[in-house]
Amino acid sequence: MKIEFDTKKYVKDLAKSKSYFHTFLNKENIAAGILRLEPGEKDTQSPHESDEVYYIVKGDGFLSIGGKDYKISEGMSYYVAKNIEHQFHNNTKELIVVYFFSGQDS
């Protein structure tokens, strides 16, 4: 089983990818990954079957959770319950987020 993860490499790889996220750990009880959005890039995710925590590494903008907007900033964390609509939007800088699921990434 893999123990360490080079998240800086994942961010670089996402910059060259068509995808804006990469799940680097996906186990039965936990999943984790990196999300990267360019300024104005659309977040197309849909609700997940597990609770989720986002940690904002870099960037700005908003996170809409259940129809309410939360201003995001570096160093902040946000909780999203399972099956709740949520999207990042209106970022004017590159947005880098680490995410954690309470179960597998679905």
N, C-alpha and C. Protein backbone atom coordinates (compact mmCIF):
# COMPACT_ATOMS: atom_id res chain seq x y z
N MET A 1 0.84 -1.18 0.00
CA MET A 1 0.00 0.00 0.00
C MET A 1 0.89 1.24 0.00
N LYS A 2 0.52 2.22 -0.79
CA LYS A 2 1.27 3.46 -0.88
C LYS A 2 1.05 4.28 0.40
N ILE A 3 2.13 4.85 0.93
CA ILE A 3 2.09 5.60 2.18
C ILE A 3 2.29 7.10 1.97
N GLU A 4 3.19 7.50 1.03
CA GLU A 4 3.41 8.93 0.80
C GLU A 4 2.92 9.33 -0.58
N PHE A 5 2.54 10.61 -0.67
CA PHE A 5 1.93 11.13 -1.89
C PHE A 5 2.54 12.49 -2.20
N ASP A 6 3.00 12.66 -3.44
CA ASP A 6 3.63 13.91 -3.86
C ASP A 6 2.56 14.86 -4.41
N THR A 7 1.92 15.59 -3.51
CA THR A 7 0.82 16.45 -3.94
C THR A 7 1.28 17.58 -4.85
N LYS A 8 2.52 18.05 -4.71
CA LYS A 8 3.04 19.08 -5.62
C LYS A 8 3.07 18.55 -7.05
N LYS A 9 3.47 17.30 -7.23
CA LYS A 9 3.49 16.68 -8.56
C LYS A 9 2.07 16.57 -9.13
N TYR A 10 1.12 16.20 -8.28
CA TYR A 10 -0.27 16.09 -8.75
C TYR A 10 -0.79 17.44 -9.25
N VAL A 11 -0.44 18.51 -8.56
CA VAL A 11 -0.86 19.85 -8.99
C VAL A 11 -0.26 20.17 -10.35
N LYS A 12 1.03 19.88 -10.53
CA LYS A 12 1.70 20.12 -11.83
C LYS A 12 1.05 19.29 -12.93
N ASP A 13 0.77 18.03 -12.64
CA ASP A 13 0.14 17.15 -13.63
C ASP A 13 -1.26 17.63 -14.00
N LEU A 14 -2.01 18.14 -13.02
CA LEU A 14 -3.36 18.65 -13.30
C LEU A 14 -3.31 19.87 -14.22
N ALA A 15 -2.25 20.68 -14.10
CA ALA A 15 -2.11 21.86 -14.96
C ALA A 15 -2.02 21.47 -16.43
N LYS A 16 -1.56 20.26 -16.71
CA LYS A 16 -1.42 19.78 -18.09
C LYS A 16 -2.54 18.81 -18.49
N SER A 17 -3.47 18.57 -17.60
CA SER A 17 -4.52 17.57 -17.80
C SER A 17 -5.84 18.21 -18.21
N LYS A 18 -6.72 17.39 -18.77
CA LYS A 18 -8.07 17.85 -19.08
C LYS A 18 -8.96 17.81 -17.83
N SER A 19 -8.54 17.06 -16.83
CA SER A 19 -9.29 16.97 -15.58
C SER A 19 -8.81 18.06 -14.62
N TYR A 20 -9.67 18.48 -13.71
CA TYR A 20 -9.27 19.48 -12.73
C TYR A 20 -9.13 18.89 -11.33
N PHE A 21 -9.24 17.57 -11.20
CA PHE A 21 -9.05 16.94 -9.90
C PHE A 21 -8.38 15.58 -10.07
N HIS A 22 -7.74 15.12 -8.98
CA HIS A 22 -7.08 13.81 -8.98
C HIS A 22 -7.21 13.22 -7.59
N THR A 23 -7.87 12.07 -7.49
CA THR A 23 -7.97 11.34 -6.23
C THR A 23 -6.75 10.44 -6.13
N PHE A 24 -5.89 10.70 -5.14
CA PHE A 24 -4.66 9.93 -5.02
C PHE A 24 -4.75 8.82 -3.97
N LEU A 25 -5.80 8.83 -3.16
CA LEU A 25 -6.04 7.78 -2.18
C LEU A 25 -7.52 7.46 -2.23
N ASN A 26 -7.84 6.18 -2.42
CA ASN A 26 -9.26 5.81 -2.53
C ASN A 26 -9.46 4.44 -1.87
N LYS A 27 -9.68 4.46 -0.56
CA LYS A 27 -9.89 3.25 0.22
C LYS A 27 -11.34 3.18 0.68
N GLU A 28 -11.72 2.07 1.27
CA GLU A 28 -13.10 1.87 1.70
C GLU A 28 -13.57 2.94 2.69
N ASN A 29 -12.70 3.36 3.61
CA ASN A 29 -13.10 4.29 4.67
C ASN A 29 -12.58 5.71 4.51
N ILE A 30 -11.76 5.96 3.51
CA ILE A 30 -11.20 7.30 3.31
C ILE A 30 -10.75 7.47 1.87
N ALA A 31 -10.89 8.68 1.39
CA ALA A 31 -10.35 9.05 0.07
C ALA A 31 -9.79 10.45 0.21
N ALA A 32 -8.78 10.76 -0.60
CA ALA A 32 -8.17 12.09 -0.59
C ALA A 32 -7.69 12.43 -1.99
N GLY A 33 -7.67 13.73 -2.28
CA GLY A 33 -7.22 14.14 -3.60
C GLY A 33 -6.96 15.63 -3.67
N ILE A 34 -6.60 16.06 -4.86
CA ILE A 34 -6.27 17.46 -5.16
C ILE A 34 -7.24 17.96 -6.21
N LEU A 35 -7.72 19.18 -6.01
CA LEU A 35 -8.57 19.86 -6.99
C LEU A 35 -7.84 21.14 -7.39
N ARG A 36 -7.79 21.42 -8.69
CA ARG A 36 -7.12 22.62 -9.20
C ARG A 36 -8.01 23.27 -10.24
N LEU A 37 -8.36 24.53 -10.01
CA LEU A 37 -9.17 25.28 -10.97
C LEU A 37 -8.44 26.55 -11.40
N GLU A 38 -8.40 26.79 -12.69
CA GLU A 38 -7.89 28.05 -13.22
C GLU A 38 -8.91 29.14 -12.93
N PRO A 39 -8.51 30.40 -12.95
CA PRO A 39 -9.48 31.48 -12.75
C PRO A 39 -10.66 31.34 -13.72
N GLY A 40 -11.87 31.35 -13.17
CA GLY A 40 -13.07 31.26 -13.99
C GLY A 40 -13.43 29.87 -14.50
N GLU A 41 -12.57 28.87 -14.27
CA GLU A 41 -12.87 27.51 -14.73
C GLU A 41 -14.06 26.95 -13.96
N LYS A 42 -14.93 26.23 -14.64
CA LYS A 42 -16.17 25.72 -14.03
C LYS A 42 -15.91 24.44 -13.24
N ASP A 43 -16.44 24.39 -12.04
CA ASP A 43 -16.42 23.21 -11.19
C ASP A 43 -17.69 22.43 -11.50
N THR A 44 -17.56 21.24 -12.05
CA THR A 44 -18.70 20.47 -12.53
C THR A 44 -19.08 19.31 -11.60
N GLN A 45 -18.53 19.28 -10.40
CA GLN A 45 -18.82 18.15 -9.52
C GLN A 45 -20.28 18.11 -9.09
N SER A 46 -20.72 16.91 -8.79
CA SER A 46 -22.08 16.71 -8.28
C SER A 46 -21.97 16.14 -6.86
N PRO A 47 -23.08 16.10 -6.12
CA PRO A 47 -23.02 15.61 -4.74
C PRO A 47 -22.38 14.21 -4.65
N HIS A 48 -21.71 13.98 -3.53
CA HIS A 48 -21.01 12.73 -3.29
C HIS A 48 -21.78 11.88 -2.27
N GLU A 49 -21.45 10.61 -2.23
CA GLU A 49 -22.11 9.69 -1.31
C GLU A 49 -21.41 9.60 0.04
N SER A 50 -20.39 10.44 0.25
CA SER A 50 -19.66 10.50 1.52
C SER A 50 -19.52 11.94 1.96
N ASP A 51 -19.40 12.16 3.27
CA ASP A 51 -19.07 13.49 3.77
C ASP A 51 -17.68 13.87 3.24
N GLU A 52 -17.45 15.19 3.17
CA GLU A 52 -16.19 15.66 2.57
C GLU A 52 -15.68 16.89 3.33
N VAL A 53 -14.36 16.99 3.40
CA VAL A 53 -13.71 18.17 3.95
C VAL A 53 -12.77 18.71 2.89
N TYR A 54 -12.82 20.03 2.67
CA TYR A 54 -11.92 20.72 1.75
C TYR A 54 -10.94 21.57 2.57
N TYR A 55 -9.67 21.53 2.19
CA TYR A 55 -8.66 22.41 2.77
C TYR A 55 -8.12 23.28 1.64
N ILE A 56 -8.24 24.61 1.78
CA ILE A 56 -7.82 25.54 0.72
C ILE A 56 -6.32 25.80 0.87
N VAL A 57 -5.55 25.31 -0.09
CA VAL A 57 -4.10 25.49 -0.09
C VAL A 57 -3.74 26.86 -0.66
N LYS A 58 -4.44 27.22 -1.75
CA LYS A 58 -4.09 28.43 -2.49
C LYS A 58 -5.32 28.91 -3.25
N GLY A 59 -5.50 30.22 -3.34
CA GLY A 59 -6.55 30.75 -4.19
C GLY A 59 -7.60 31.54 -3.45
N ASP A 60 -8.65 31.88 -4.20
CA ASP A 60 -9.74 32.69 -3.68
C ASP A 60 -11.04 32.25 -4.33
N GLY A 61 -12.11 32.96 -4.05
CA GLY A 61 -13.39 32.67 -4.66
C GLY A 61 -14.42 32.30 -3.62
N PHE A 62 -15.35 31.44 -4.04
CA PHE A 62 -16.45 31.03 -3.19
C PHE A 62 -16.69 29.54 -3.31
N LEU A 63 -17.25 28.97 -2.25
CA LEU A 63 -17.73 27.59 -2.26
C LEU A 63 -19.21 27.66 -1.92
N SER A 64 -20.04 27.25 -2.86
CA SER A 64 -21.48 27.19 -2.63
C SER A 64 -21.79 25.82 -2.03
N ILE A 65 -22.44 25.83 -0.86
CA ILE A 65 -22.83 24.58 -0.18
C ILE A 65 -24.32 24.66 0.09
N GLY A 66 -25.07 23.80 -0.54
CA GLY A 66 -26.52 23.78 -0.34
C GLY A 66 -27.18 25.10 -0.68
N GLY A 67 -26.64 25.83 -1.66
CA GLY A 67 -27.22 27.09 -2.10
C GLY A 67 -26.71 28.32 -1.37
N LYS A 68 -25.85 28.15 -0.35
CA LYS A 68 -25.30 29.29 0.36
C LYS A 68 -23.81 29.43 0.01
N ASP A 69 -23.39 30.67 -0.30
CA ASP A 69 -22.00 30.93 -0.67
C ASP A 69 -21.14 31.23 0.55
N TYR A 70 -19.95 30.61 0.55
CA TYR A 70 -18.95 30.86 1.59
C TYR A 70 -17.69 31.37 0.91
N LYS A 71 -17.20 32.52 1.34
CA LYS A 71 -15.97 33.09 0.78
C LYS A 71 -14.82 32.21 1.25
N ILE A 72 -14.01 31.75 0.31
CA ILE A 72 -12.89 30.87 0.66
C ILE A 72 -11.59 31.67 0.70
N SER A 73 -10.66 31.19 1.50
CA SER A 73 -9.33 31.80 1.58
C SER A 73 -8.33 30.74 2.00
N GLU A 74 -7.08 31.00 1.71
CA GLU A 74 -5.99 30.07 2.01
C GLU A 74 -5.97 29.73 3.49
N GLY A 75 -5.79 28.45 3.78
CA GLY A 75 -5.70 28.00 5.15
C GLY A 75 -7.02 27.64 5.80
N MET A 76 -8.13 27.94 5.13
CA MET A 76 -9.45 27.61 5.67
C MET A 76 -9.86 26.20 5.25
N SER A 77 -10.74 25.59 6.04
CA SER A 77 -11.30 24.27 5.73
C SER A 77 -12.82 24.37 5.76
N TYR A 78 -13.47 23.51 4.97
CA TYR A 78 -14.92 23.54 4.84
C TYR A 78 -15.45 22.11 4.84
N TYR A 79 -16.56 21.91 5.52
CA TYR A 79 -17.21 20.61 5.60
C TYR A 79 -18.44 20.61 4.70
N VAL A 80 -18.60 19.52 3.93
CA VAL A 80 -19.79 19.33 3.09
C VAL A 80 -20.36 17.95 3.41
N ALA A 81 -21.60 17.91 3.86
CA ALA A 81 -22.26 16.63 4.15
C ALA A 81 -22.55 15.89 2.85
N LYS A 82 -22.67 14.58 2.97
CA LYS A 82 -22.95 13.76 1.79
C LYS A 82 -24.27 14.19 1.15
N ASN A 83 -24.33 14.02 -0.16
CA ASN A 83 -25.51 14.30 -0.98
C ASN A 83 -25.96 15.76 -0.99
N ILE A 84 -25.08 16.69 -0.64
CA ILE A 84 -25.39 18.13 -0.68
C ILE A 84 -24.71 18.74 -1.91
N GLU A 85 -25.47 19.52 -2.68
CA GLU A 85 -24.92 20.25 -3.84
C GLU A 85 -23.83 21.21 -3.36
N HIS A 86 -22.71 21.23 -4.09
CA HIS A 86 -21.63 22.16 -3.76
C HIS A 86 -20.72 22.34 -4.97
N GLN A 87 -20.25 23.57 -5.15
CA GLN A 87 -19.33 23.90 -6.23
C GLN A 87 -18.47 25.09 -5.82
N PHE A 88 -17.24 25.08 -6.31
CA PHE A 88 -16.38 26.25 -6.21
C PHE A 88 -16.71 27.16 -7.38
N HIS A 89 -16.62 28.48 -7.17
CA HIS A 89 -16.88 29.41 -8.26
C HIS A 89 -16.27 30.78 -7.98
N ASN A 90 -16.16 31.56 -9.05
CA ASN A 90 -15.70 32.96 -9.03
C ASN A 90 -14.29 33.13 -8.47
N ASN A 91 -13.41 32.17 -8.70
CA ASN A 91 -12.03 32.36 -8.29
C ASN A 91 -11.31 33.21 -9.34
N THR A 92 -10.53 34.18 -8.87
CA THR A 92 -9.77 35.07 -9.76
C THR A 92 -8.30 34.68 -9.81
N LYS A 93 -7.91 33.70 -8.97
CA LYS A 93 -6.55 33.17 -8.93
C LYS A 93 -6.63 31.66 -9.07
N GLU A 94 -5.50 31.04 -9.37
CA GLU A 94 -5.45 29.58 -9.39
C GLU A 94 -5.92 29.07 -8.02
N LEU A 95 -6.82 28.10 -8.03
CA LEU A 95 -7.36 27.52 -6.81
C LEU A 95 -6.81 26.11 -6.64
N ILE A 96 -6.17 25.86 -5.50
CA ILE A 96 -5.64 24.53 -5.17
C ILE A 96 -6.31 24.09 -3.86
N VAL A 97 -6.95 22.93 -3.89
CA VAL A 97 -7.70 22.43 -2.74
C VAL A 97 -7.33 20.96 -2.52
N VAL A 98 -7.13 20.58 -1.25
CA VAL A 98 -7.00 19.17 -0.89
C VAL A 98 -8.35 18.74 -0.34
N TYR A 99 -8.84 17.60 -0.81
CA TYR A 99 -10.13 17.11 -0.32
C TYR A 99 -10.00 15.74 0.33
N PHE A 100 -10.87 15.49 1.30
CA PHE A 100 -10.91 14.24 2.03
C PHE A 100 -12.35 13.76 2.10
N PHE A 101 -12.57 12.51 1.74
CA PHE A 101 -13.90 11.89 1.86
C PHE A 101 -13.92 10.93 3.05
N SER A 102 -15.07 10.78 3.68
CA SER A 102 -15.23 9.84 4.79
C SER A 102 -15.42 8.41 4.30
N GLY A 103 -15.36 8.21 3.03
CA GLY A 103 -15.47 6.89 2.41
C GLY A 103 -14.81 6.98 1.04
N GLN A 104 -15.12 6.06 0.19
CA GLN A 104 -14.54 6.07 -1.16
C GLN A 104 -15.05 7.25 -1.97
N ASP A 105 -14.20 7.71 -2.90
CA ASP A 105 -14.59 8.75 -3.85
C ASP A 105 -15.53 8.11 -4.85
N SER A 106 -16.76 8.62 -4.90
CA SER A 106 -17.76 8.03 -5.80
C SER A 106 -18.02 8.91 -7.00
